[in-house]
Amino acid sequence: QLQLVESGGGSVQAGGSLNLSCAASGYTYGSLCMYWFRQAPGKEREGIATIGYYGNKAYADSVKGRFTISKDNAKNPRYLQMNSLKPADTALYYCAAARRDWVPISTTSAKLMNYWGRGTQVTVSS
């Protein structure tokens, strides 16, 4: 069983930056496609960034050019570097993983995830 733990959330002013980390433990071998989702109050969970097993990446239009997903195969954590943050980025951010090489970003991405973290809160003030 894979366990995912997010860290790095917090409060920041608009235009600021945060770097989220996702530490994985337990079952870590085999193909895994890593994801970052976020959910704001009253809104559906949104897939915003993904990095596939072979290192390919994709982003939601809402964060493209501002957020960067990365992983270091020599180390455990996966990262989400968030720059030029906006109040609209305020949400609970989740790390997730699917036992697949690749899951494209879509409205149904969340249904394909096999593992979820508990989330880390990001609050951006104007």
N, C-alpha and C. Protein backbone atom coordinates (compact mmCIF):
# COMPACT_ATOMS: atom_id res chain seq x y z
N GLN A 1 0.84 -1.18 0.00
CA GLN A 1 0.00 0.00 0.00
C GLN A 1 0.90 1.25 0.00
N LEU A 2 0.63 2.18 -0.90
CA LEU A 2 1.41 3.40 -1.01
C LEU A 2 0.79 4.47 -0.12
N GLN A 3 1.63 5.10 0.70
CA GLN A 3 1.17 6.23 1.51
C GLN A 3 1.78 7.51 0.96
N LEU A 4 0.96 8.55 0.88
CA LEU A 4 1.39 9.85 0.36
C LEU A 4 1.16 10.91 1.43
N VAL A 5 2.17 11.74 1.65
CA VAL A 5 2.06 12.80 2.66
C VAL A 5 2.53 14.10 2.03
N GLU A 6 1.63 15.09 2.01
CA GLU A 6 1.96 16.39 1.46
C GLU A 6 2.51 17.31 2.55
N SER A 7 3.34 18.26 2.12
CA SER A 7 3.83 19.30 3.02
C SER A 7 4.15 20.53 2.20
N GLY A 8 4.35 21.65 2.87
CA GLY A 8 4.77 22.87 2.19
C GLY A 8 3.68 23.90 1.99
N GLY A 9 2.45 23.57 2.37
CA GLY A 9 1.38 24.54 2.24
C GLY A 9 1.54 25.68 3.23
N GLY A 10 0.71 26.71 3.07
CA GLY A 10 0.78 27.84 3.99
C GLY A 10 0.03 29.03 3.43
N SER A 11 0.26 30.17 4.04
CA SER A 11 -0.38 31.42 3.62
C SER A 11 0.65 32.33 2.97
N VAL A 12 0.28 32.94 1.86
CA VAL A 12 1.19 33.80 1.12
C VAL A 12 0.39 34.90 0.46
N GLN A 13 1.04 36.00 0.20
CA GLN A 13 0.37 37.10 -0.51
C GLN A 13 0.40 36.85 -2.01
N ALA A 14 -0.52 37.45 -2.71
CA ALA A 14 -0.58 37.33 -4.17
C ALA A 14 0.76 37.72 -4.77
N GLY A 15 1.17 36.92 -5.75
CA GLY A 15 2.46 37.12 -6.38
C GLY A 15 3.58 36.31 -5.75
N GLY A 16 3.31 35.72 -4.61
CA GLY A 16 4.32 34.94 -3.91
C GLY A 16 4.45 33.53 -4.45
N SER A 17 5.29 32.75 -3.78
CA SER A 17 5.59 31.39 -4.22
C SER A 17 5.52 30.42 -3.05
N LEU A 18 5.21 29.19 -3.36
CA LEU A 18 5.26 28.07 -2.41
C LEU A 18 5.76 26.85 -3.16
N ASN A 19 6.42 25.95 -2.42
CA ASN A 19 6.88 24.70 -3.02
C ASN A 19 6.29 23.55 -2.20
N LEU A 20 5.37 22.82 -2.80
CA LEU A 20 4.75 21.68 -2.13
C LEU A 20 5.58 20.43 -2.37
N SER A 21 5.61 19.56 -1.37
CA SER A 21 6.29 18.27 -1.49
C SER A 21 5.30 17.15 -1.23
N CYS A 22 5.54 16.02 -1.87
CA CYS A 22 4.73 14.82 -1.65
C CYS A 22 5.69 13.67 -1.39
N ALA A 23 5.71 13.17 -0.17
CA ALA A 23 6.57 12.05 0.19
C ALA A 23 5.78 10.76 0.07
N ALA A 24 6.40 9.78 -0.60
CA ALA A 24 5.74 8.49 -0.81
C ALA A 24 6.47 7.41 -0.03
N SER A 25 5.71 6.51 0.56
CA SER A 25 6.30 5.37 1.26
C SER A 25 5.42 4.15 1.04
N GLY A 26 5.97 2.98 1.32
CA GLY A 26 5.23 1.75 1.09
C GLY A 26 5.52 1.23 -0.30
N TYR A 27 4.51 0.80 -1.03
CA TYR A 27 4.66 0.26 -2.38
C TYR A 27 5.08 1.36 -3.33
N THR A 28 6.35 1.42 -3.73
CA THR A 28 6.82 2.46 -4.63
C THR A 28 7.39 1.91 -5.92
N TYR A 29 7.36 0.58 -6.12
CA TYR A 29 7.90 0.06 -7.37
C TYR A 29 6.78 -0.14 -8.37
N GLY A 30 7.14 -0.27 -9.65
CA GLY A 30 6.12 -0.35 -10.68
C GLY A 30 5.75 1.03 -11.19
N SER A 31 4.96 1.06 -12.25
CA SER A 31 4.58 2.31 -12.89
C SER A 31 3.67 3.12 -11.97
N LEU A 32 4.03 4.36 -11.79
CA LEU A 32 3.20 5.29 -11.04
C LEU A 32 3.15 6.62 -11.77
N CYS A 33 1.98 7.13 -11.98
CA CYS A 33 1.78 8.47 -12.52
C CYS A 33 1.37 9.35 -11.35
N MET A 34 2.16 10.39 -11.07
CA MET A 34 1.92 11.24 -9.92
C MET A 34 1.11 12.47 -10.33
N TYR A 35 0.26 12.91 -9.42
CA TYR A 35 -0.66 14.01 -9.71
C TYR A 35 -0.73 14.98 -8.54
N TRP A 36 -1.02 16.20 -8.87
CA TRP A 36 -1.45 17.19 -7.88
C TRP A 36 -2.87 17.64 -8.25
N PHE A 37 -3.75 17.55 -7.26
CA PHE A 37 -5.12 18.05 -7.40
C PHE A 37 -5.30 19.19 -6.39
N ARG A 38 -6.34 19.96 -6.59
CA ARG A 38 -6.72 20.95 -5.58
C ARG A 38 -8.24 21.04 -5.54
N GLN A 39 -8.72 21.44 -4.38
CA GLN A 39 -10.16 21.60 -4.21
C GLN A 39 -10.42 22.82 -3.36
N ALA A 40 -11.11 23.78 -3.94
CA ALA A 40 -11.51 24.98 -3.22
C ALA A 40 -12.91 24.76 -2.64
N PRO A 41 -13.26 25.48 -1.59
CA PRO A 41 -14.60 25.30 -1.00
C PRO A 41 -15.70 25.50 -2.02
N GLY A 42 -16.62 24.54 -2.06
CA GLY A 42 -17.75 24.64 -2.97
C GLY A 42 -17.45 24.28 -4.41
N LYS A 43 -16.22 23.84 -4.67
CA LYS A 43 -15.85 23.48 -6.05
C LYS A 43 -15.41 22.02 -6.11
N GLU A 44 -15.42 21.49 -7.32
CA GLU A 44 -14.99 20.11 -7.51
C GLU A 44 -13.46 20.01 -7.47
N ARG A 45 -12.99 18.82 -7.15
CA ARG A 45 -11.56 18.58 -7.15
C ARG A 45 -11.03 18.68 -8.58
N GLU A 46 -9.92 19.41 -8.73
CA GLU A 46 -9.38 19.73 -10.06
C GLU A 46 -7.95 19.19 -10.17
N GLY A 47 -7.70 18.43 -11.21
CA GLY A 47 -6.33 17.99 -11.49
C GLY A 47 -5.57 19.12 -12.12
N ILE A 48 -4.42 19.51 -11.54
CA ILE A 48 -3.71 20.68 -12.03
C ILE A 48 -2.33 20.37 -12.61
N ALA A 49 -1.72 19.28 -12.20
CA ALA A 49 -0.39 18.96 -12.71
C ALA A 49 -0.13 17.48 -12.56
N THR A 50 0.56 16.91 -13.55
CA THR A 50 0.88 15.49 -13.49
C THR A 50 2.25 15.24 -14.09
N ILE A 51 2.93 14.23 -13.56
CA ILE A 51 4.18 13.77 -14.12
C ILE A 51 4.10 12.26 -14.24
N GLY A 52 4.29 11.77 -15.46
CA GLY A 52 4.13 10.36 -15.71
C GLY A 52 5.36 9.55 -15.32
N TYR A 53 5.22 8.25 -15.44
CA TYR A 53 6.30 7.34 -15.05
C TYR A 53 7.59 7.61 -15.83
N TYR A 54 7.47 8.03 -17.09
CA TYR A 54 8.64 8.30 -17.92
C TYR A 54 9.04 9.77 -17.91
N GLY A 55 8.41 10.56 -17.04
CA GLY A 55 8.82 11.96 -16.87
C GLY A 55 8.04 12.97 -17.69
N ASN A 56 7.09 12.52 -18.50
CA ASN A 56 6.28 13.48 -19.24
C ASN A 56 5.37 14.24 -18.28
N LYS A 57 5.07 15.48 -18.64
CA LYS A 57 4.33 16.38 -17.75
C LYS A 57 3.15 17.02 -18.47
N ALA A 58 2.17 17.42 -17.70
CA ALA A 58 1.03 18.18 -18.23
C ALA A 58 0.46 19.05 -17.12
N TYR A 59 -0.16 20.15 -17.54
CA TYR A 59 -0.71 21.11 -16.59
C TYR A 59 -2.10 21.55 -17.03
N ALA A 60 -2.91 21.89 -16.05
CA ALA A 60 -4.19 22.52 -16.34
C ALA A 60 -3.92 23.95 -16.84
N ASP A 61 -4.81 24.45 -17.67
CA ASP A 61 -4.64 25.81 -18.21
C ASP A 61 -4.56 26.85 -17.09
N SER A 62 -5.25 26.58 -15.99
CA SER A 62 -5.31 27.55 -14.90
C SER A 62 -3.96 27.76 -14.21
N VAL A 63 -3.02 26.82 -14.37
CA VAL A 63 -1.73 26.96 -13.69
C VAL A 63 -0.55 26.93 -14.66
N LYS A 64 -0.81 26.71 -15.92
CA LYS A 64 0.27 26.59 -16.91
C LYS A 64 1.10 27.86 -16.94
N GLY A 65 2.41 27.68 -16.92
CA GLY A 65 3.33 28.82 -16.93
C GLY A 65 3.65 29.36 -15.55
N ARG A 66 2.91 28.93 -14.53
CA ARG A 66 3.16 29.40 -13.15
C ARG A 66 3.59 28.26 -12.24
N PHE A 67 3.09 27.06 -12.47
CA PHE A 67 3.39 25.92 -11.61
C PHE A 67 4.30 24.95 -12.36
N THR A 68 5.19 24.28 -11.62
CA THR A 68 6.08 23.29 -12.20
C THR A 68 6.09 22.04 -11.33
N ILE A 69 5.80 20.90 -11.96
CA ILE A 69 5.84 19.63 -11.25
C ILE A 69 7.16 18.95 -11.54
N SER A 70 7.72 18.28 -10.55
CA SER A 70 8.99 17.61 -10.76
C SER A 70 9.10 16.41 -9.82
N LYS A 71 10.04 15.56 -10.13
CA LYS A 71 10.34 14.43 -9.26
C LYS A 71 11.82 14.14 -9.37
N ASP A 72 12.35 13.55 -8.34
CA ASP A 72 13.74 13.16 -8.31
C ASP A 72 13.77 11.68 -8.00
N ASN A 73 14.10 10.86 -8.98
CA ASN A 73 14.05 9.43 -8.77
C ASN A 73 15.07 8.93 -7.76
N ALA A 74 16.07 9.78 -7.50
CA ALA A 74 17.08 9.40 -6.52
C ALA A 74 16.61 9.70 -5.09
N LYS A 75 15.61 10.57 -5.01
CA LYS A 75 15.06 10.92 -3.70
C LYS A 75 13.57 10.63 -3.72
N ASN A 76 12.97 10.69 -2.58
CA ASN A 76 11.59 10.28 -2.49
C ASN A 76 10.57 11.30 -2.96
N PRO A 77 10.67 12.57 -2.50
CA PRO A 77 9.55 13.48 -2.72
C PRO A 77 9.32 13.85 -4.18
N ARG A 78 8.08 14.15 -4.48
CA ARG A 78 7.72 14.84 -5.70
C ARG A 78 7.35 16.26 -5.31
N TYR A 79 7.51 17.19 -6.22
CA TYR A 79 7.37 18.60 -5.88
C TYR A 79 6.38 19.31 -6.80
N LEU A 80 5.79 20.37 -6.27
CA LEU A 80 5.01 21.29 -7.07
C LEU A 80 5.45 22.70 -6.70
N GLN A 81 6.24 23.31 -7.59
CA GLN A 81 6.69 24.67 -7.39
C GLN A 81 5.61 25.61 -7.92
N MET A 82 5.10 26.48 -7.05
CA MET A 82 4.00 27.37 -7.43
C MET A 82 4.49 28.81 -7.34
N ASN A 83 4.50 29.48 -8.47
CA ASN A 83 4.93 30.87 -8.55
C ASN A 83 3.77 31.76 -8.98
N SER A 84 3.94 33.06 -8.78
CA SER A 84 2.92 34.05 -9.18
C SER A 84 1.54 33.64 -8.68
N LEU A 85 1.46 33.30 -7.42
CA LEU A 85 0.21 32.80 -6.85
C LEU A 85 -0.87 33.89 -6.85
N LYS A 86 -2.10 33.44 -7.04
CA LYS A 86 -3.26 34.32 -7.09
C LYS A 86 -4.25 33.90 -6.00
N PRO A 87 -5.12 34.80 -5.57
CA PRO A 87 -6.16 34.39 -4.60
C PRO A 87 -6.99 33.21 -5.11
N ALA A 88 -7.17 33.11 -6.43
CA ALA A 88 -7.93 31.99 -7.00
C ALA A 88 -7.24 30.65 -6.81
N ASP A 89 -5.96 30.66 -6.43
CA ASP A 89 -5.23 29.41 -6.17
C ASP A 89 -5.48 28.87 -4.77
N THR A 90 -6.21 29.62 -3.95
CA THR A 90 -6.52 29.16 -2.60
C THR A 90 -7.33 27.88 -2.65
N ALA A 91 -6.82 26.84 -2.00
CA ALA A 91 -7.48 25.52 -2.04
C ALA A 91 -6.73 24.56 -1.14
N LEU A 92 -7.31 23.39 -0.96
CA LEU A 92 -6.63 22.27 -0.33
C LEU A 92 -5.97 21.48 -1.45
N TYR A 93 -4.66 21.30 -1.36
CA TYR A 93 -3.89 20.64 -2.42
C TYR A 93 -3.58 19.20 -2.03
N TYR A 94 -3.87 18.28 -2.94
CA TYR A 94 -3.69 16.86 -2.71
C TYR A 94 -2.66 16.27 -3.67
N CYS A 95 -1.84 15.39 -3.14
CA CYS A 95 -0.98 14.55 -3.96
C CYS A 95 -1.71 13.23 -4.20
N ALA A 96 -1.60 12.70 -5.39
CA ALA A 96 -2.26 11.43 -5.71
C ALA A 96 -1.39 10.65 -6.68
N ALA A 97 -1.67 9.35 -6.78
CA ALA A 97 -0.91 8.50 -7.69
C ALA A 97 -1.82 7.45 -8.30
N ALA A 98 -1.52 7.14 -9.55
CA ALA A 98 -2.24 6.09 -10.27
C ALA A 98 -1.25 5.01 -10.69
N ARG A 99 -1.66 3.76 -10.62
CA ARG A 99 -0.80 2.64 -11.04
C ARG A 99 -0.84 2.52 -12.56
N ARG A 100 -0.40 3.55 -13.21
CA ARG A 100 -0.34 3.61 -14.67
C ARG A 100 0.88 4.42 -15.08
N ASP A 101 1.28 4.27 -16.36
CA ASP A 101 2.39 5.09 -16.86
C ASP A 101 1.98 6.55 -16.99
N TRP A 102 0.73 6.77 -17.37
CA TRP A 102 0.29 8.13 -17.71
C TRP A 102 -1.21 8.25 -17.59
N VAL A 103 -1.64 9.38 -17.01
CA VAL A 103 -3.06 9.72 -16.94
C VAL A 103 -3.20 11.15 -17.40
N PRO A 104 -3.80 11.42 -18.54
CA PRO A 104 -3.95 12.80 -19.02
C PRO A 104 -4.84 13.61 -18.09
N ILE A 105 -4.60 14.91 -18.05
CA ILE A 105 -5.45 15.79 -17.25
C ILE A 105 -6.81 15.91 -17.92
N SER A 106 -7.85 15.61 -17.15
CA SER A 106 -9.21 15.71 -17.64
C SER A 106 -10.13 15.80 -16.43
N THR A 107 -11.42 15.97 -16.71
CA THR A 107 -12.38 16.06 -15.61
C THR A 107 -12.57 14.73 -14.90
N THR A 108 -12.07 13.65 -15.48
CA THR A 108 -12.22 12.32 -14.87
C THR A 108 -10.92 11.77 -14.31
N SER A 109 -9.86 12.59 -14.28
CA SER A 109 -8.55 12.10 -13.80
C SER A 109 -8.64 11.54 -12.39
N ALA A 110 -9.40 12.21 -11.52
CA ALA A 110 -9.46 11.79 -10.11
C ALA A 110 -9.97 10.36 -9.96
N LYS A 111 -10.83 9.93 -10.87
CA LYS A 111 -11.41 8.58 -10.77
C LYS A 111 -10.37 7.51 -11.04
N LEU A 112 -9.26 7.86 -11.68
CA LEU A 112 -8.24 6.89 -12.03
C LEU A 112 -7.12 6.80 -10.99
N MET A 113 -7.19 7.64 -9.95
CA MET A 113 -6.16 7.61 -8.93
C MET A 113 -6.39 6.43 -7.98
N ASN A 114 -5.29 5.77 -7.60
CA ASN A 114 -5.35 4.64 -6.67
C ASN A 114 -4.98 5.05 -5.24
N TYR A 115 -4.22 6.14 -5.12
CA TYR A 115 -3.74 6.55 -3.80
C TYR A 115 -3.89 8.07 -3.66
N TRP A 116 -4.19 8.49 -2.43
CA TRP A 116 -4.37 9.91 -2.14
C TRP A 116 -3.67 10.28 -0.84
N GLY A 117 -3.13 11.49 -0.80
CA GLY A 117 -2.69 12.07 0.46
C GLY A 117 -3.86 12.76 1.13
N ARG A 118 -3.58 13.31 2.33
CA ARG A 118 -4.64 13.99 3.08
C ARG A 118 -4.80 15.45 2.69
N GLY A 119 -3.82 16.01 2.02
CA GLY A 119 -3.92 17.39 1.56
C GLY A 119 -3.15 18.37 2.41
N THR A 120 -2.79 19.50 1.81
CA THR A 120 -2.13 20.60 2.51
C THR A 120 -2.78 21.89 2.02
N GLN A 121 -3.08 22.78 2.96
CA GLN A 121 -3.84 24.00 2.64
C GLN A 121 -2.91 25.08 2.08
N VAL A 122 -3.38 25.70 1.01
CA VAL A 122 -2.69 26.87 0.43
C VAL A 122 -3.68 28.03 0.44
N THR A 123 -3.29 29.13 1.05
CA THR A 123 -4.14 30.31 1.11
C THR A 123 -3.37 31.50 0.55
N VAL A 124 -3.95 32.15 -0.45
CA VAL A 124 -3.31 33.30 -1.09
C VAL A 124 -4.18 34.52 -0.85
N SER A 125 -3.61 35.52 -0.23
CA SER A 125 -4.35 36.74 0.08
C SER A 125 -4.00 37.85 -0.92
N SER A 126 -4.97 38.71 -1.15
CA SER A 126 -4.75 39.80 -2.12
C SER A 126 -4.12 41.01 -1.46
